[in-house]
């Protein structure tokens, strides 16, 4: 379960909660109404920030986040996604050298 958002604007990113479908995607909710869904958290966060900026809201903690911090977070997310993909590929691979069932 994941939930992040701006309480003052009633804008949230949710994944795996009772208000959104259980499809492993990050959904943007505005006062409980769906606005979109994203496969990547970073994309959902960017969209949420754009919506908030259009409404004139500024994150007080945004000045504390440096571009380097954002880059490191994106690289970590990419590493985890690629790692998952590699593990899944190895787990579902069959045959070949050292595979099951003979020659």
PDB file of N, CA and C in Angstrom:
ATOM      1  N   UNK A   1       0.843  -1.175   0.000  1.00  0.00           N
ATOM      2  CA  UNK A   1       0.000   0.000   0.000  1.00  0.00           C
ATOM      3  C   UNK A   1       0.890   1.241   0.000  1.00  0.00           C
ATOM      4  N   UNK A   2       0.539   2.191  -0.824  1.00  0.00           N
ATOM      5  CA  UNK A   2       1.302   3.434  -0.918  1.00  0.00           C
ATOM      6  C   UNK A   2       0.327   4.600  -1.005  1.00  0.00           C
ATOM      7  N   UNK A   3       0.619   5.645  -0.239  1.00  0.00           N
ATOM      8  CA  UNK A   3      -0.206   6.856  -0.300  1.00  0.00           C
ATOM      9  C   UNK A   3       0.687   8.057  -0.005  1.00  0.00           C
ATOM     10  N   UNK A   4       0.618   9.035  -0.886  1.00  0.00           N
ATOM     11  CA  UNK A   4       1.392  10.265  -0.746  1.00  0.00           C
ATOM     12  C   UNK A   4       0.533  11.375  -1.323  1.00  0.00           C
ATOM     13  N   UNK A   5       0.616  12.553  -0.754  1.00  0.00           N
ATOM     14  CA  UNK A   5      -0.170  13.616  -1.341  1.00  0.00           C
ATOM     15  C   UNK A   5      -0.095  14.931  -0.607  1.00  0.00           C
ATOM     16  N   UNK A   6      -0.962  15.836  -1.035  1.00  0.00           N
ATOM     17  CA  UNK A   6      -1.037  17.183  -0.490  1.00  0.00           C
ATOM     18  C   UNK A   6      -2.409  17.323   0.157  1.00  0.00           C
ATOM     19  N   UNK A   7      -2.418  17.264   1.457  1.00  0.00           N
ATOM     20  CA  UNK A   7      -3.677  17.280   2.198  1.00  0.00           C
ATOM     21  C   UNK A   7      -4.470  18.563   1.955  1.00  0.00           C
ATOM     22  N   UNK A   8      -3.778  19.712   1.869  1.00  0.00           N
ATOM     23  CA  UNK A   8      -4.455  20.994   1.678  1.00  0.00           C
ATOM     24  C   UNK A   8      -5.254  21.042   0.382  1.00  0.00           C
ATOM     25  N   UNK A   9      -4.772  20.337  -0.652  1.00  0.00           N
ATOM     26  CA  UNK A   9      -5.443  20.329  -1.955  1.00  0.00           C
ATOM     27  C   UNK A   9      -6.284  19.072  -2.170  1.00  0.00           C
ATOM     28  N   UNK A  10      -6.212  18.129  -1.253  1.00  0.00           N
ATOM     29  CA  UNK A  10      -6.888  16.833  -1.363  1.00  0.00           C
ATOM     30  C   UNK A  10      -6.465  16.119  -2.651  1.00  0.00           C
ATOM     31  N   UNK A  11      -5.164  16.195  -2.966  1.00  0.00           N
ATOM     32  CA  UNK A  11      -4.556  15.515  -4.113  1.00  0.00           C
ATOM     33  C   UNK A  11      -3.647  14.417  -3.581  1.00  0.00           C
ATOM     34  N   UNK A  12      -3.819  13.211  -4.091  1.00  0.00           N
ATOM     35  CA  UNK A  12      -3.034  12.096  -3.583  1.00  0.00           C
ATOM     36  C   UNK A  12      -2.573  11.171  -4.695  1.00  0.00           C
ATOM     37  N   UNK A  13      -1.445  10.509  -4.442  1.00  0.00           N
ATOM     38  CA  UNK A  13      -0.977   9.393  -5.251  1.00  0.00           C
ATOM     39  C   UNK A  13      -1.235   8.161  -4.392  1.00  0.00           C
ATOM     40  N   UNK A  14      -1.943   7.189  -4.962  1.00  0.00           N
ATOM     41  CA  UNK A  14      -2.245   5.982  -4.198  1.00  0.00           C
ATOM     42  C   UNK A  14      -1.998   4.737  -5.049  1.00  0.00           C
ATOM     43  N   UNK A  15      -1.561   3.695  -4.358  1.00  0.00           N
ATOM     44  CA  UNK A  15      -1.341   2.394  -4.997  1.00  0.00           C
ATOM     45  C   UNK A  15      -1.687   1.320  -3.978  1.00  0.00           C
ATOM     46  N   UNK A  16      -2.577   0.428  -4.349  1.00  0.00           N
ATOM     47  CA  UNK A  16      -2.929  -0.669  -3.468  1.00  0.00           C
ATOM     48  C   UNK A  16      -3.828  -0.278  -2.303  1.00  0.00           C
ATOM     49  N   UNK A  17      -4.527   0.838  -2.396  1.00  0.00           N
ATOM     50  CA  UNK A  17      -5.454   1.237  -1.345  1.00  0.00           C
ATOM     51  C   UNK A  17      -6.868   0.825  -1.764  1.00  0.00           C
ATOM     52  N   UNK A  18      -7.816   0.996  -0.848  1.00  0.00           N
ATOM     53  CA  UNK A  18      -9.190   0.616  -1.145  1.00  0.00           C
ATOM     54  C   UNK A  18      -9.851   1.562  -2.148  1.00  0.00           C
ATOM     55  N   UNK A  19      -9.266   2.748  -2.384  1.00  0.00           N
ATOM     56  CA  UNK A  19      -9.879   3.723  -3.297  1.00  0.00           C
ATOM     57  C   UNK A  19      -9.445   3.557  -4.744  1.00  0.00           C
ATOM     58  N   UNK A  20      -8.442   2.723  -5.001  1.00  0.00           N
ATOM     59  CA  UNK A  20      -7.928   2.561  -6.370  1.00  0.00           C
ATOM     60  C   UNK A  20      -7.919   1.084  -6.747  1.00  0.00           C
ATOM     61  N   UNK A  21      -7.921   0.776  -8.062  1.00  0.00           N
ATOM     62  CA  UNK A  21      -7.849  -0.630  -8.502  1.00  0.00           C
ATOM     63  C   UNK A  21      -6.522  -1.267  -8.075  1.00  0.00           C
ATOM     64  N   UNK A  22      -6.545  -2.559  -7.851  1.00  0.00           N
ATOM     65  CA  UNK A  22      -5.337  -3.294  -7.464  1.00  0.00           C
ATOM     66  C   UNK A  22      -4.627  -3.764  -8.731  1.00  0.00           C
ATOM     67  N   UNK A  23      -4.014  -2.810  -9.451  1.00  0.00           N
ATOM     68  CA  UNK A  23      -3.369  -3.118 -10.723  1.00  0.00           C
ATOM     69  C   UNK A  23      -1.885  -2.773 -10.735  1.00  0.00           C
ATOM     70  N   UNK A  24      -1.309  -2.547  -9.550  1.00  0.00           N
ATOM     71  CA  UNK A  24       0.124  -2.274  -9.416  1.00  0.00           C
ATOM     72  C   UNK A  24       0.534  -0.963 -10.093  1.00  0.00           C
ATOM     73  N   UNK A  25      -0.377  -0.009 -10.212  1.00  0.00           N
ATOM     74  CA  UNK A  25      -0.087   1.297 -10.799  1.00  0.00           C
ATOM     75  C   UNK A  25      -0.306   2.374  -9.748  1.00  0.00           C
ATOM     76  N   UNK A  26       0.282   3.531  -9.975  1.00  0.00           N
ATOM     77  CA  UNK A  26       0.134   4.683  -9.089  1.00  0.00           C
ATOM     78  C   UNK A  26      -0.973   5.570  -9.655  1.00  0.00           C
ATOM     79  N   UNK A  27      -2.021   5.781  -8.877  1.00  0.00           N
ATOM     80  CA  UNK A  27      -3.180   6.541  -9.323  1.00  0.00           C
ATOM     81  C   UNK A  27      -3.207   7.912  -8.661  1.00  0.00           C
ATOM     82  N   UNK A  28      -3.540   8.944  -9.448  1.00  0.00           N
ATOM     83  CA  UNK A  28      -3.696  10.299  -8.937  1.00  0.00           C
ATOM     84  C   UNK A  28      -5.176  10.510  -8.628  1.00  0.00           C
ATOM     85  N   UNK A  29      -5.475  10.931  -7.400  1.00  0.00           N
ATOM     86  CA  UNK A  29      -6.850  11.192  -6.995  1.00  0.00           C
ATOM     87  C   UNK A  29      -7.000  12.644  -6.572  1.00  0.00           C
ATOM     88  N   UNK A  30      -8.033  13.295  -7.072  1.00  0.00           N
ATOM     89  CA  UNK A  30      -8.376  14.661  -6.699  1.00  0.00           C
ATOM     90  C   UNK A  30      -9.726  14.615  -5.997  1.00  0.00           C
ATOM     91  N   UNK A  31      -9.726  14.819  -4.712  1.00  0.00           N
ATOM     92  CA  UNK A  31     -10.942  14.720  -3.890  1.00  0.00           C
ATOM     93  C   UNK A  31     -11.637  13.375  -4.090  1.00  0.00           C
ATOM     94  N   UNK A  32     -10.842  12.326  -4.256  1.00  0.00           N
ATOM     95  CA  UNK A  32     -11.373  10.980  -4.424  1.00  0.00           C
ATOM     96  C   UNK A  32     -11.679  10.596  -5.855  1.00  0.00           C
ATOM     97  N   UNK A  33     -11.632  11.547  -6.789  1.00  0.00           N
ATOM     98  CA  UNK A  33     -11.902  11.258  -8.201  1.00  0.00           C
ATOM     99  C   UNK A  33     -10.593  10.974  -8.931  1.00  0.00           C
ATOM    100  N   UNK A  34     -10.549   9.907  -9.738  1.00  0.00           N
ATOM    101  CA  UNK A  34      -9.313   9.568 -10.446  1.00  0.00           C
ATOM    102  C   UNK A  34      -8.995  10.562 -11.561  1.00  0.00           C
ATOM    103  N   UNK A  35      -7.715  10.927 -11.651  1.00  0.00           N
ATOM    104  CA  UNK A  35      -7.265  11.824 -12.728  1.00  0.00           C
ATOM    105  C   UNK A  35      -6.335  11.112 -13.698  1.00  0.00           C
ATOM    106  N   UNK A  36      -5.697  10.051 -13.262  1.00  0.00           N
ATOM    107  CA  UNK A  36      -4.769   9.333 -14.130  1.00  0.00           C
ATOM    108  C   UNK A  36      -4.055   8.257 -13.358  1.00  0.00           C
ATOM    109  N   UNK A  37      -3.342   7.396 -14.095  1.00  0.00           N
ATOM    110  CA  UNK A  37      -2.545   6.357 -13.451  1.00  0.00           C
ATOM    111  C   UNK A  37      -1.217   6.237 -14.177  1.00  0.00           C
ATOM    112  N   UNK A  38      -0.207   5.840 -13.424  1.00  0.00           N
ATOM    113  CA  UNK A  38       1.151   5.777 -13.945  1.00  0.00           C
ATOM    114  C   UNK A  38       1.822   4.493 -13.471  1.00  0.00           C
ATOM    115  N   UNK A  39       2.676   3.937 -14.308  1.00  0.00           N
ATOM    116  CA  UNK A  39       3.422   2.740 -13.932  1.00  0.00           C
ATOM    117  C   UNK A  39       4.589   3.092 -13.004  1.00  0.00           C
ATOM    118  N   UNK A  40       5.121   4.297 -13.153  1.00  0.00           N
ATOM    119  CA  UNK A  40       6.296   4.703 -12.366  1.00  0.00           C
ATOM    120  C   UNK A  40       5.914   5.784 -11.365  1.00  0.00           C
ATOM    121  N   UNK A  41       6.429   5.645 -10.160  1.00  0.00           N
ATOM    122  CA  UNK A  41       6.152   6.608  -9.108  1.00  0.00           C
ATOM    123  C   UNK A  41       6.658   8.001  -9.493  1.00  0.00           C
ATOM    124  N   UNK A  42       7.832   8.072 -10.100  1.00  0.00           N
ATOM    125  CA  UNK A  42       8.403   9.371 -10.466  1.00  0.00           C
ATOM    126  C   UNK A  42       7.479  10.136 -11.425  1.00  0.00           C
ATOM    127  N   UNK A  43       6.861   9.424 -12.371  1.00  0.00           N
ATOM    128  CA  UNK A  43       5.931  10.068 -13.301  1.00  0.00           C
ATOM    129  C   UNK A  43       4.704  10.594 -12.568  1.00  0.00           C
ATOM    130  N   UNK A  44       4.192   9.800 -11.633  1.00  0.00           N
ATOM    131  CA  UNK A  44       3.023  10.228 -10.852  1.00  0.00           C
ATOM    132  C   UNK A  44       3.367  11.439  -9.991  1.00  0.00           C
ATOM    133  N   UNK A  45       4.551  11.451  -9.410  1.00  0.00           N
ATOM    134  CA  UNK A  45       4.964  12.585  -8.577  1.00  0.00           C
ATOM    135  C   UNK A  45       5.116  13.855  -9.404  1.00  0.00           C
ATOM    136  N   UNK A  46       5.664  13.727 -10.620  1.00  0.00           N
ATOM    137  CA  UNK A  46       5.785  14.888 -11.503  1.00  0.00           C
ATOM    138  C   UNK A  46       4.417  15.451 -11.851  1.00  0.00           C
ATOM    139  N   UNK A  47       3.479  14.563 -12.172  1.00  0.00           N
ATOM    140  CA  UNK A  47       2.131  14.999 -12.528  1.00  0.00           C
ATOM    141  C   UNK A  47       1.447  15.667 -11.335  1.00  0.00           C
ATOM    142  N   UNK A  48       1.610  15.095 -10.158  1.00  0.00           N
ATOM    143  CA  UNK A  48       1.035  15.682  -8.947  1.00  0.00           C
ATOM    144  C   UNK A  48       1.616  17.078  -8.710  1.00  0.00           C
ATOM    145  N   UNK A  49       2.914  17.230  -8.901  1.00  0.00           N
ATOM    146  CA  UNK A  49       3.562  18.531  -8.718  1.00  0.00           C
ATOM    147  C   UNK A  49       3.042  19.553  -9.734  1.00  0.00           C
ATOM    148  N   UNK A  50       2.810  19.118 -10.978  1.00  0.00           N
ATOM    149  CA  UNK A  50       2.268  20.020 -11.996  1.00  0.00           C
ATOM    150  C   UNK A  50       0.862  20.479 -11.619  1.00  0.00           C
ATOM    151  N   UNK A  51       0.036  19.555 -11.169  1.00  0.00           N
ATOM    152  CA  UNK A  51      -1.323  19.912 -10.751  1.00  0.00           C
ATOM    153  C   UNK A  51      -1.298  20.901  -9.588  1.00  0.00           C
ATOM    154  N   UNK A  52      -0.432  20.637  -8.626  1.00  0.00           N
ATOM    155  CA  UNK A  52      -0.335  21.511  -7.456  1.00  0.00           C
ATOM    156  C   UNK A  52       0.157  22.898  -7.857  1.00  0.00           C
ATOM    157  N   UNK A  53       1.129  22.958  -8.774  1.00  0.00           N
ATOM    158  CA  UNK A  53       1.655  24.251  -9.224  1.00  0.00           C
ATOM    159  C   UNK A  53       0.578  25.052  -9.953  1.00  0.00           C
ATOM    160  N   UNK A  54      -0.245  24.367 -10.754  1.00  0.00           N
ATOM    161  CA  UNK A  54      -1.338  25.056 -11.456  1.00  0.00           C
ATOM    162  C   UNK A  54      -2.331  25.675 -10.478  1.00  0.00           C
ATOM    163  N   UNK A  55      -2.434  25.067  -9.318  1.00  0.00           N
ATOM    164  CA  UNK A  55      -3.357  25.570  -8.298  1.00  0.00           C
ATOM    165  C   UNK A  55      -2.685  26.558  -7.346  1.00  0.00           C
ATOM    166  N   UNK A  56      -1.425  26.889  -7.645  1.00  0.00           N
ATOM    167  CA  UNK A  56      -0.720  27.893  -6.872  1.00  0.00           C
ATOM    168  C   UNK A  56      -0.084  27.393  -5.587  1.00  0.00           C
ATOM    169  N   UNK A  57       0.009  26.089  -5.420  1.00  0.00           N
ATOM    170  CA  UNK A  57       0.592  25.532  -4.201  1.00  0.00           C
ATOM    171  C   UNK A  57       2.085  25.326  -4.393  1.00  0.00           C
ATOM    172  N   UNK A  58       2.872  25.696  -3.395  1.00  0.00           N
ATOM    173  CA  UNK A  58       4.314  25.480  -3.437  1.00  0.00           C
ATOM    174  C   UNK A  58       4.715  24.622  -2.250  1.00  0.00           C
ATOM    175  N   UNK A  59       5.493  23.601  -2.527  1.00  0.00           N
ATOM    176  CA  UNK A  59       5.948  22.684  -1.483  1.00  0.00           C
ATOM    177  C   UNK A  59       7.014  23.364  -0.637  1.00  0.00           C
ATOM    178  N   UNK A  60       6.785  23.500   0.664  1.00  0.00           N
ATOM    179  CA  UNK A  60       7.790  24.136   1.510  1.00  0.00           C
ATOM    180  C   UNK A  60       9.092  23.338   1.587  1.00  0.00           C
ATOM    181  N   UNK A  61       9.029  22.031   1.375  1.00  0.00           N
ATOM    182  CA  UNK A  61      10.233  21.199   1.455  1.00  0.00           C
ATOM    183  C   UNK A  61      10.953  21.090   0.110  1.00  0.00           C
ATOM    184  N   UNK A  62      10.372  21.637  -0.957  1.00  0.00           N
ATOM    185  CA  UNK A  62      10.968  21.490  -2.289  1.00  0.00           C
ATOM    186  C   UNK A  62      12.335  22.135  -2.385  1.00  0.00           C
ATOM    187  N   UNK A  63      12.560  23.192  -1.646  1.00  0.00           N
ATOM    188  CA  UNK A  63      13.852  23.863  -1.715  1.00  0.00           C
ATOM    189  C   UNK A  63      14.958  23.011  -1.105  1.00  0.00           C
ATOM    190  N   UNK A  64      14.595  22.029  -0.290  1.00  0.00           N
ATOM    191  CA  UNK A  64      15.582  21.169   0.345  1.00  0.00           C
ATOM    192  C   UNK A  64      16.057  20.041  -0.568  1.00  0.00           C
ATOM    193  N   UNK A  65      15.289  19.723  -1.612  1.00  0.00           N
ATOM    194  CA  UNK A  65      15.635  18.634  -2.508  1.00  0.00           C
ATOM    195  C   UNK A  65      16.501  19.172  -3.637  1.00  0.00           C
ATOM    196  N   UNK A  66      17.687  18.624  -3.757  1.00  0.00           N
ATOM    197  CA  UNK A  66      18.607  19.071  -4.801  1.00  0.00           C
ATOM    198  C   UNK A  66      18.424  18.206  -6.043  1.00  0.00           C
ATOM    199  N   UNK A  67      18.876  18.694  -7.190  1.00  0.00           N
ATOM    200  CA  UNK A  67      18.813  17.864  -8.396  1.00  0.00           C
ATOM    201  C   UNK A  67      19.566  16.547  -8.226  1.00  0.00           C
ATOM    202  N   UNK A  68      20.650  16.569  -7.468  1.00  0.00           N
ATOM    203  CA  UNK A  68      21.400  15.337  -7.206  1.00  0.00           C
ATOM    204  C   UNK A  68      20.576  14.323  -6.440  1.00  0.00           C
ATOM    205  N   UNK A  69      19.780  14.796  -5.481  1.00  0.00           N
ATOM    206  CA  UNK A  69      18.901  13.899  -4.721  1.00  0.00           C
ATOM    207  C   UNK A  69      17.877  13.252  -5.641  1.00  0.00           C
ATOM    208  N   UNK A  70      17.317  14.046  -6.530  1.00  0.00           N
ATOM    209  CA  UNK A  70      16.325  13.505  -7.464  1.00  0.00           C
ATOM    210  C   UNK A  70      16.951  12.480  -8.394  1.00  0.00           C
ATOM    211  N   UNK A  71      18.166  12.765  -8.868  1.00  0.00           N
ATOM    212  CA  UNK A  71      18.859  11.842  -9.753  1.00  0.00           C
ATOM    213  C   UNK A  71      19.137  10.522  -9.041  1.00  0.00           C
ATOM    214  N   UNK A  72      19.614  10.589  -7.798  1.00  0.00           N
ATOM    215  CA  UNK A  72      19.888   9.367  -7.042  1.00  0.00           C
ATOM    216  C   UNK A  72      18.611   8.549  -6.821  1.00  0.00           C
ATOM    217  N   UNK A  73      17.516   9.212  -6.530  1.00  0.00           N
ATOM    218  CA  UNK A  73      16.247   8.506  -6.326  1.00  0.00           C
ATOM    219  C   UNK A  73      15.794   7.830  -7.621  1.00  0.00           C
ATOM    220  N   UNK A  74      15.935   8.536  -8.747  1.00  0.00           N
ATOM    221  CA  UNK A  74      15.541   7.960 -10.027  1.00  0.00           C
ATOM    222  C   UNK A  74      16.428   6.775 -10.392  1.00  0.00           C
ATOM    223  N   UNK A  75      17.738   6.886 -10.127  1.00  0.00           N
ATOM    224  CA  UNK A  75      18.646   5.782 -10.413  1.00  0.00           C
ATOM    225  C   UNK A  75      18.326   4.569  -9.544  1.00  0.00           C
ATOM    226  N   UNK A  76      17.986   4.796  -8.282  1.00  0.00           N
ATOM    227  CA  UNK A  76      17.626   3.693  -7.391  1.00  0.00           C
ATOM    228  C   UNK A  76      16.357   3.008  -7.883  1.00  0.00           C
ATOM    229  N   UNK A  77      15.368   3.790  -8.299  1.00  0.00           N
ATOM    230  CA  UNK A  77      14.127   3.216  -8.810  1.00  0.00           C
ATOM    231  C   UNK A  77      14.391   2.413 -10.073  1.00  0.00           C
ATOM    232  N   UNK A  78      15.228   2.928 -10.970  1.00  0.00           N
ATOM    233  CA  UNK A  78      15.561   2.226 -12.205  1.00  0.00           C
ATOM    234  C   UNK A  78      16.289   0.915 -11.898  1.00  0.00           C
ATOM    235  N   UNK A  79      17.228   0.948 -10.933  1.00  0.00           N
ATOM    236  CA  UNK A  79      17.968  -0.249 -10.545  1.00  0.00           C
ATOM    237  C   UNK A  79      17.016  -1.325 -10.023  1.00  0.00           C
ATOM    238  N   UNK A  80      16.071  -0.930  -9.156  1.00  0.00           N
ATOM    239  CA  UNK A  80      15.132  -1.899  -8.601  1.00  0.00           C
ATOM    240  C   UNK A  80      14.226  -2.483  -9.680  1.00  0.00           C
ATOM    241  N   UNK A  81      13.771  -1.647 -10.609  1.00  0.00           N
ATOM    242  CA  UNK A  81      12.915  -2.114 -11.692  1.00  0.00           C
ATOM    243  C   UNK A  81      13.673  -3.091 -12.588  1.00  0.00           C
ATOM    244  N   UNK A  82      14.928  -2.749 -12.957  1.00  0.00           N
ATOM    245  CA  UNK A  82      15.731  -3.621 -13.803  1.00  0.00           C
ATOM    246  C   UNK A  82      16.085  -4.912 -13.080  1.00  0.00           C
ATOM    247  N   UNK A  83      16.371  -4.815 -11.791  1.00  0.00           N
ATOM    248  CA  UNK A  83      16.692  -5.988 -10.998  1.00  0.00           C
ATOM    249  C   UNK A  83      15.507  -6.943 -10.970  1.00  0.00           C
ATOM    250  N   UNK A  84      14.299  -6.414 -10.775  1.00  0.00           N
ATOM    251  CA  UNK A  84      13.098  -7.241 -10.773  1.00  0.00           C
ATOM    252  C   UNK A  84      12.923  -7.923 -12.127  1.00  0.00           C
ATOM    253  N   UNK A  85      13.124  -7.166 -13.191  1.00  0.00           N
ATOM    254  CA  UNK A  85      12.957  -7.714 -14.542  1.00  0.00           C
ATOM    255  C   UNK A  85      13.957  -8.842 -14.793  1.00  0.00           C
ATOM    256  N   UNK A  86      15.223  -8.656 -14.381  1.00  0.00           N
ATOM    257  CA  UNK A  86      16.241  -9.691 -14.561  1.00  0.00           C
ATOM    258  C   UNK A  86      15.892 -10.953 -13.779  1.00  0.00           C
ATOM    259  N   UNK A  87      15.460 -10.784 -12.538  1.00  0.00           N
ATOM    260  CA  UNK A  87      15.090 -11.944 -11.721  1.00  0.00           C
ATOM    261  C   UNK A  87      13.919 -12.699 -12.333  1.00  0.00           C
ATOM    262  N   UNK A  88      12.944 -11.973 -12.841  1.00  0.00           N
ATOM    263  CA  UNK A  88      11.780 -12.605 -13.446  1.00  0.00           C
ATOM    264  C   UNK A  88      12.189 -13.366 -14.705  1.00  0.00           C
ATOM    265  N   UNK A  89      13.075 -12.782 -15.503  1.00  0.00           N
ATOM    266  CA  UNK A  89      13.537 -13.440 -16.720  1.00  0.00           C
ATOM    267  C   UNK A  89      14.256 -14.734 -16.391  1.00  0.00           C
ATOM    268  N   UNK A  90      15.147 -14.701 -15.399  1.00  0.00           N
ATOM    269  CA  UNK A  90      15.873 -15.909 -15.015  1.00  0.00           C
ATOM    270  C   UNK A  90      14.936 -16.975 -14.453  1.00  0.00           C
ATOM    271  N   UNK A  91      13.925 -16.568 -13.732  1.00  0.00           N
ATOM    272  CA  UNK A  91      13.012 -17.523 -13.113  1.00  0.00           C
ATOM    273  C   UNK A  91      12.112 -18.199 -14.139  1.00  0.00           C
ATOM    274  N   UNK A  92      11.831 -17.527 -15.233  1.00  0.00           N
ATOM    275  CA  UNK A  92      10.918 -18.090 -16.228  1.00  0.00           C
ATOM    276  C   UNK A  92      11.638 -18.706 -17.423  1.00  0.00           C
ATOM    277  N   UNK A  93      12.955 -18.609 -17.463  1.00  0.00           N
ATOM    278  CA  UNK A  93      13.737 -19.145 -18.582  1.00  0.00           C
ATOM    279  C   UNK A  93      13.750 -20.669 -18.500  1.00  0.00           C
ATOM    280  N   UNK A  94      13.662 -21.313 -19.644  1.00  0.00           N
ATOM    281  CA  UNK A  94      13.708 -22.775 -19.677  1.00  0.00           C
ATOM    282  C   UNK A  94      14.656 -23.232 -20.764  1.00  0.00           C
ATOM    283  N   UNK A  95      15.170 -24.418 -20.566  1.00  0.00           N
ATOM    284  CA  UNK A  95      16.019 -25.044 -21.580  1.00  0.00           C
ATOM    285  C   UNK A  95      17.389 -24.398 -21.637  1.00  0.00           C
ATOM    286  N   UNK A  96      18.107 -24.712 -22.699  1.00  0.00           N
ATOM    287  CA  UNK A  96      19.441 -24.152 -22.856  1.00  0.00           C
ATOM    288  C   UNK A  96      20.457 -24.862 -21.981  1.00  0.00           C
ATOM    289  N   UNK A  97      21.573 -24.296 -21.868  1.00  0.00           N
ATOM    290  CA  UNK A  97      22.676 -24.903 -21.124  1.00  0.00           C
ATOM    291  C   UNK A  97      22.295 -25.067 -19.651  1.00  0.00           C
ATOM    292  N   UNK A  98      22.361 -26.280 -19.179  1.00  0.00           N
ATOM    293  CA  UNK A  98      22.044 -26.558 -17.794  1.00  0.00           C
ATOM    294  C   UNK A  98      20.559 -26.557 -17.499  1.00  0.00           C
ATOM    295  N   UNK A  99      19.770 -26.557 -18.538  1.00  0.00           N
ATOM    296  CA  UNK A  99      18.321 -26.521 -18.348  1.00  0.00           C
ATOM    297  C   UNK A  99      17.752 -27.883 -18.019  1.00  0.00           C
ATOM    298  N   UNK A 100      16.445 -27.935 -17.935  1.00  0.00           N
ATOM    299  CA  UNK A 100      15.777 -29.196 -17.598  1.00  0.00           C
ATOM    300  C   UNK A 100      15.676 -30.114 -18.803  1.00  0.00           C
ATOM    301  N   UNK A 101      15.646 -31.386 -18.539  1.00  0.00           N
ATOM    302  CA  UNK A 101      15.221 -32.361 -19.525  1.00  0.00           C
ATOM    303  C   UNK A 101      16.207 -32.806 -20.572  1.00  0.00           C
ATOM    304  N   UNK A 102      17.410 -33.003 -20.273  1.00  0.00           N
ATOM    305  CA  UNK A 102      18.323 -33.658 -21.213  1.00  0.00           C
ATOM    306  C   UNK A 102      18.924 -32.757 -22.257  1.00  0.00           C
ATOM    307  N   UNK A 103      19.249 -33.316 -23.397  1.00  0.00           N
ATOM    308  CA  UNK A 103      20.076 -32.692 -24.405  1.00  0.00           C
ATOM    309  C   UNK A 103      19.307 -31.842 -25.352  1.00  0.00           C
TER     310      UNK A 103
END
